[in-house]
Amino acid sequence: MPLRIIQDQQGRTWQVWGVQPTDINGPIGDPAAGQPVEAQRPRRVTAVDPQWADGWLTFETQGEKRRLAPYPSNWTGLSDQELTALCAKALLVQPSRARSAWI
């Protein structure tokens, strides 16, 4: 999964990456270890709102997370300024109860 690091006009550093719904519901199992896919446990099914069905860009900085859909397929080739402009348009994500630490 491509990851970009950008800095906005306020000096905040953002991590940017694309998410596809298939990433969420990816195969379970380890073929390299001789386990067929789906051998470990039943596959989870995650409902995705139609707005996010084709994937989204995630923008994350210390204490803030945003999502943007739809997004340009060439986002990895955009300039930092262009990505910062997309970040400004992205929707703020409400914090979940189980938040992982920001790296």
N, C-alpha and C. Protein backbone atom coordinates (compact mmCIF):
# COMPACT_ATOMS: atom_id res chain seq x y z
N MET A 1 0.84 -1.16 0.00
CA MET A 1 0.00 0.00 0.00
C MET A 1 0.89 1.23 0.00
N PRO A 2 0.75 2.10 -0.99
CA PRO A 2 1.54 3.33 -1.02
C PRO A 2 1.21 4.25 0.15
N LEU A 3 2.21 4.92 0.64
CA LEU A 3 2.06 5.87 1.75
C LEU A 3 2.83 7.13 1.40
N ARG A 4 2.18 8.27 1.58
CA ARG A 4 2.84 9.56 1.37
C ARG A 4 2.85 10.31 2.70
N ILE A 5 3.86 11.12 2.90
CA ILE A 5 3.96 12.00 4.05
C ILE A 5 4.00 13.42 3.50
N ILE A 6 3.07 14.26 3.96
CA ILE A 6 3.00 15.64 3.49
C ILE A 6 2.94 16.58 4.68
N GLN A 7 3.20 17.85 4.43
CA GLN A 7 3.10 18.87 5.47
C GLN A 7 2.17 19.96 4.96
N ASP A 8 1.19 20.33 5.81
CA ASP A 8 0.25 21.37 5.40
C ASP A 8 0.79 22.76 5.73
N GLN A 9 0.01 23.78 5.42
CA GLN A 9 0.45 25.17 5.61
C GLN A 9 0.60 25.54 7.08
N GLN A 10 -0.03 24.78 7.97
CA GLN A 10 0.11 25.03 9.41
C GLN A 10 1.30 24.27 10.01
N GLY A 11 2.01 23.53 9.17
CA GLY A 11 3.19 22.79 9.62
C GLY A 11 2.89 21.41 10.16
N ARG A 12 1.62 20.97 10.04
CA ARG A 12 1.27 19.63 10.52
C ARG A 12 1.69 18.59 9.49
N THR A 13 2.21 17.48 9.98
CA THR A 13 2.63 16.37 9.12
C THR A 13 1.48 15.37 9.03
N TRP A 14 1.14 14.99 7.79
CA TRP A 14 0.05 14.06 7.53
C TRP A 14 0.59 12.81 6.85
N GLN A 15 0.08 11.66 7.24
CA GLN A 15 0.28 10.42 6.51
C GLN A 15 -0.93 10.27 5.59
N VAL A 16 -0.69 9.87 4.35
CA VAL A 16 -1.77 9.73 3.37
C VAL A 16 -1.66 8.34 2.73
N TRP A 17 -2.78 7.61 2.70
CA TRP A 17 -2.79 6.31 2.05
C TRP A 17 -4.18 6.00 1.52
N GLY A 18 -4.24 5.14 0.52
CA GLY A 18 -5.50 4.72 -0.08
C GLY A 18 -6.01 3.46 0.61
N VAL A 19 -7.34 3.35 0.70
CA VAL A 19 -7.98 2.18 1.28
C VAL A 19 -9.01 1.67 0.28
N GLN A 20 -9.00 0.37 0.08
CA GLN A 20 -10.01 -0.28 -0.74
C GLN A 20 -10.82 -1.20 0.17
N PRO A 21 -12.14 -1.28 -0.02
CA PRO A 21 -12.93 -2.18 0.82
C PRO A 21 -12.43 -3.62 0.80
N THR A 22 -11.81 -4.04 -0.29
CA THR A 22 -11.26 -5.40 -0.33
C THR A 22 -10.10 -5.56 0.64
N ASP A 23 -9.40 -4.45 1.00
CA ASP A 23 -8.33 -4.52 2.00
C ASP A 23 -8.90 -4.91 3.35
N ILE A 24 -10.10 -4.41 3.65
CA ILE A 24 -10.74 -4.68 4.93
C ILE A 24 -11.16 -6.14 5.02
N ASN A 25 -11.70 -6.67 3.94
CA ASN A 25 -12.22 -8.04 3.93
C ASN A 25 -11.26 -9.00 3.23
N GLY A 26 -9.99 -8.73 3.30
CA GLY A 26 -9.00 -9.57 2.62
C GLY A 26 -9.01 -11.01 3.09
N PRO A 27 -8.36 -11.87 2.35
CA PRO A 27 -8.35 -13.29 2.69
C PRO A 27 -7.71 -13.56 4.05
N ILE A 28 -8.19 -14.61 4.67
CA ILE A 28 -7.65 -15.04 5.96
C ILE A 28 -6.99 -16.38 5.75
N GLY A 29 -5.85 -16.61 6.35
CA GLY A 29 -5.09 -17.84 6.17
C GLY A 29 -3.70 -17.48 5.69
N ASP A 30 -2.82 -18.45 5.66
CA ASP A 30 -1.45 -18.20 5.26
C ASP A 30 -0.99 -19.29 4.31
N PRO A 31 -1.17 -19.09 3.00
CA PRO A 31 -0.76 -20.11 2.04
C PRO A 31 0.73 -20.45 2.14
N ALA A 32 1.56 -19.47 2.51
CA ALA A 32 3.00 -19.72 2.64
C ALA A 32 3.30 -20.71 3.76
N ALA A 33 2.41 -20.79 4.74
CA ALA A 33 2.59 -21.73 5.85
C ALA A 33 1.82 -23.02 5.60
N GLY A 34 1.32 -23.19 4.37
CA GLY A 34 0.59 -24.41 4.04
C GLY A 34 -0.87 -24.39 4.46
N GLN A 35 -1.36 -23.25 4.92
CA GLN A 35 -2.76 -23.13 5.31
C GLN A 35 -3.54 -22.54 4.15
N PRO A 36 -4.60 -23.19 3.74
CA PRO A 36 -5.40 -22.59 2.69
C PRO A 36 -6.06 -21.30 3.18
N VAL A 37 -6.29 -20.40 2.26
CA VAL A 37 -6.97 -19.16 2.61
C VAL A 37 -8.30 -19.51 3.25
N GLU A 38 -8.70 -18.77 4.27
CA GLU A 38 -9.93 -18.95 5.02
C GLU A 38 -9.85 -20.12 6.00
N ALA A 39 -8.70 -20.74 6.17
CA ALA A 39 -8.59 -21.90 7.05
C ALA A 39 -8.61 -21.53 8.53
N GLN A 40 -8.18 -20.31 8.88
CA GLN A 40 -8.04 -19.97 10.28
C GLN A 40 -9.36 -19.64 10.97
N ARG A 41 -10.25 -18.92 10.31
CA ARG A 41 -11.52 -18.52 10.91
C ARG A 41 -12.46 -18.04 9.82
N PRO A 42 -13.74 -17.93 10.13
CA PRO A 42 -14.67 -17.42 9.11
C PRO A 42 -14.33 -16.00 8.72
N ARG A 43 -14.59 -15.70 7.48
CA ARG A 43 -14.32 -14.36 6.94
C ARG A 43 -15.31 -13.35 7.51
N ARG A 44 -14.80 -12.20 7.92
CA ARG A 44 -15.64 -11.10 8.40
C ARG A 44 -16.25 -10.39 7.20
N VAL A 45 -17.45 -9.95 7.37
CA VAL A 45 -18.09 -9.13 6.34
C VAL A 45 -18.31 -7.75 6.93
N THR A 46 -17.78 -6.75 6.27
CA THR A 46 -17.90 -5.37 6.74
C THR A 46 -18.77 -4.61 5.76
N ALA A 47 -19.84 -4.02 6.27
CA ALA A 47 -20.70 -3.21 5.41
C ALA A 47 -20.03 -1.86 5.17
N VAL A 48 -20.02 -1.45 3.91
CA VAL A 48 -19.41 -0.17 3.54
C VAL A 48 -20.48 0.69 2.91
N ASP A 49 -20.62 1.92 3.41
CA ASP A 49 -21.57 2.87 2.86
C ASP A 49 -21.25 3.06 1.37
N PRO A 50 -22.26 3.20 0.52
CA PRO A 50 -22.00 3.36 -0.92
C PRO A 50 -21.02 4.47 -1.26
N GLN A 51 -20.97 5.52 -0.45
CA GLN A 51 -20.03 6.62 -0.69
C GLN A 51 -18.58 6.12 -0.68
N TRP A 52 -18.31 5.08 0.09
CA TRP A 52 -16.94 4.58 0.27
C TRP A 52 -16.69 3.28 -0.52
N ALA A 53 -17.67 2.81 -1.28
CA ALA A 53 -17.59 1.51 -1.94
C ALA A 53 -16.40 1.38 -2.90
N ASP A 54 -15.98 2.48 -3.51
CA ASP A 54 -14.85 2.42 -4.44
C ASP A 54 -13.53 2.79 -3.78
N GLY A 55 -13.53 2.87 -2.46
CA GLY A 55 -12.32 3.19 -1.72
C GLY A 55 -12.24 4.66 -1.35
N TRP A 56 -11.22 5.00 -0.58
CA TRP A 56 -11.03 6.37 -0.12
C TRP A 56 -9.57 6.62 0.20
N LEU A 57 -9.22 7.88 0.28
CA LEU A 57 -7.91 8.29 0.77
C LEU A 57 -8.06 8.61 2.24
N THR A 58 -7.12 8.15 3.04
CA THR A 58 -7.08 8.48 4.45
C THR A 58 -5.96 9.47 4.68
N PHE A 59 -6.26 10.53 5.42
CA PHE A 59 -5.28 11.53 5.83
C PHE A 59 -5.25 11.49 7.35
N GLU A 60 -4.07 11.28 7.93
CA GLU A 60 -3.98 11.21 9.38
C GLU A 60 -2.79 12.01 9.90
N THR A 61 -3.08 12.80 10.93
CA THR A 61 -2.06 13.55 11.65
C THR A 61 -2.34 13.37 13.13
N GLN A 62 -1.45 13.83 13.97
CA GLN A 62 -1.63 13.71 15.41
C GLN A 62 -3.00 14.26 15.82
N GLY A 63 -3.88 13.39 16.32
CA GLY A 63 -5.18 13.81 16.83
C GLY A 63 -6.26 14.07 15.80
N GLU A 64 -6.01 13.80 14.52
CA GLU A 64 -7.02 14.06 13.50
C GLU A 64 -6.90 13.07 12.35
N LYS A 65 -8.07 12.64 11.86
CA LYS A 65 -8.12 11.71 10.74
C LYS A 65 -9.22 12.17 9.80
N ARG A 66 -8.95 12.07 8.50
CA ARG A 66 -9.91 12.47 7.47
C ARG A 66 -9.97 11.42 6.38
N ARG A 67 -11.12 11.40 5.67
CA ARG A 67 -11.29 10.49 4.53
C ARG A 67 -11.85 11.26 3.35
N LEU A 68 -11.41 10.86 2.16
CA LEU A 68 -11.87 11.51 0.93
C LEU A 68 -12.26 10.45 -0.09
N ALA A 69 -13.49 10.58 -0.60
CA ALA A 69 -13.96 9.72 -1.69
C ALA A 69 -14.93 10.53 -2.53
N PRO A 70 -14.89 10.37 -3.82
CA PRO A 70 -13.87 9.65 -4.58
C PRO A 70 -12.56 10.43 -4.57
N TYR A 71 -11.51 9.77 -5.03
CA TYR A 71 -10.20 10.41 -5.08
C TYR A 71 -9.52 10.06 -6.39
N PRO A 72 -8.55 10.88 -6.82
CA PRO A 72 -7.87 10.63 -8.09
C PRO A 72 -7.04 9.34 -8.05
N SER A 73 -7.13 8.56 -9.09
CA SER A 73 -6.37 7.30 -9.13
C SER A 73 -4.86 7.55 -9.16
N ASN A 74 -4.44 8.73 -9.60
CA ASN A 74 -3.01 9.06 -9.67
C ASN A 74 -2.54 9.83 -8.44
N TRP A 75 -3.21 9.66 -7.30
CA TRP A 75 -2.92 10.46 -6.11
C TRP A 75 -1.46 10.35 -5.68
N THR A 76 -0.81 9.21 -5.92
CA THR A 76 0.58 9.06 -5.49
C THR A 76 1.51 9.98 -6.28
N GLY A 77 1.09 10.42 -7.46
CA GLY A 77 1.91 11.30 -8.29
C GLY A 77 1.59 12.77 -8.11
N LEU A 78 0.60 13.08 -7.27
CA LEU A 78 0.24 14.48 -7.06
C LEU A 78 1.29 15.18 -6.21
N SER A 79 1.37 16.49 -6.35
CA SER A 79 2.30 17.26 -5.53
C SER A 79 1.79 17.33 -4.10
N ASP A 80 2.67 17.70 -3.17
CA ASP A 80 2.26 17.87 -1.78
C ASP A 80 1.16 18.93 -1.68
N GLN A 81 1.25 20.00 -2.46
CA GLN A 81 0.23 21.05 -2.44
C GLN A 81 -1.12 20.51 -2.90
N GLU A 82 -1.11 19.67 -3.93
CA GLU A 82 -2.36 19.09 -4.42
C GLU A 82 -2.97 18.15 -3.38
N LEU A 83 -2.13 17.36 -2.72
CA LEU A 83 -2.63 16.47 -1.67
C LEU A 83 -3.15 17.26 -0.47
N THR A 84 -2.47 18.35 -0.13
CA THR A 84 -2.93 19.21 0.97
C THR A 84 -4.30 19.79 0.65
N ALA A 85 -4.53 20.17 -0.60
CA ALA A 85 -5.84 20.69 -1.02
C ALA A 85 -6.91 19.60 -0.90
N LEU A 86 -6.57 18.37 -1.26
CA LEU A 86 -7.52 17.26 -1.12
C LEU A 86 -7.81 17.00 0.36
N CYS A 87 -6.80 17.10 1.19
CA CYS A 87 -6.97 16.91 2.64
C CYS A 87 -7.96 17.93 3.19
N ALA A 88 -7.87 19.15 2.72
CA ALA A 88 -8.77 20.20 3.20
C ALA A 88 -10.22 19.90 2.83
N LYS A 89 -10.44 19.15 1.74
CA LYS A 89 -11.79 18.79 1.30
C LYS A 89 -12.30 17.51 1.98
N ALA A 90 -11.40 16.75 2.58
CA ALA A 90 -11.76 15.45 3.15
C ALA A 90 -12.64 15.61 4.39
N LEU A 91 -13.47 14.59 4.64
CA LEU A 91 -14.37 14.59 5.79
C LEU A 91 -13.63 14.16 7.05
N LEU A 92 -13.90 14.87 8.13
CA LEU A 92 -13.32 14.52 9.42
C LEU A 92 -13.92 13.21 9.91
N VAL A 93 -13.07 12.32 10.40
CA VAL A 93 -13.51 11.03 10.93
C VAL A 93 -13.60 11.15 12.44
N GLN A 94 -14.72 10.74 12.99
CA GLN A 94 -14.88 10.74 14.44
C GLN A 94 -14.00 9.66 15.04
N PRO A 95 -13.34 9.95 16.14
CA PRO A 95 -12.46 8.95 16.77
C PRO A 95 -13.24 7.71 17.18
N SER A 96 -12.62 6.56 16.97
CA SER A 96 -13.24 5.31 17.43
C SER A 96 -12.83 5.07 18.87
N ARG A 97 -13.50 4.13 19.50
CA ARG A 97 -13.18 3.82 20.89
C ARG A 97 -11.82 3.17 21.02
N ALA A 98 -11.46 2.36 20.04
CA ALA A 98 -10.17 1.67 20.08
C ALA A 98 -9.24 2.30 19.07
N ARG A 99 -8.56 3.35 19.45
CA ARG A 99 -7.64 4.05 18.57
C ARG A 99 -6.23 3.48 18.71
N SER A 100 -5.58 3.31 17.59
CA SER A 100 -4.19 2.88 17.64
C SER A 100 -3.31 4.13 17.75
N ALA A 101 -2.11 3.93 18.22
CA ALA A 101 -1.18 5.06 18.36
C ALA A 101 -0.75 5.55 17.01
N TRP A 102 -0.63 6.87 16.85
CA TRP A 102 -0.15 7.46 15.62
C TRP A 102 1.34 7.35 15.56
N ILE A 103 1.86 6.91 14.45
CA ILE A 103 3.30 6.72 14.31
C ILE A 103 3.90 7.94 13.67
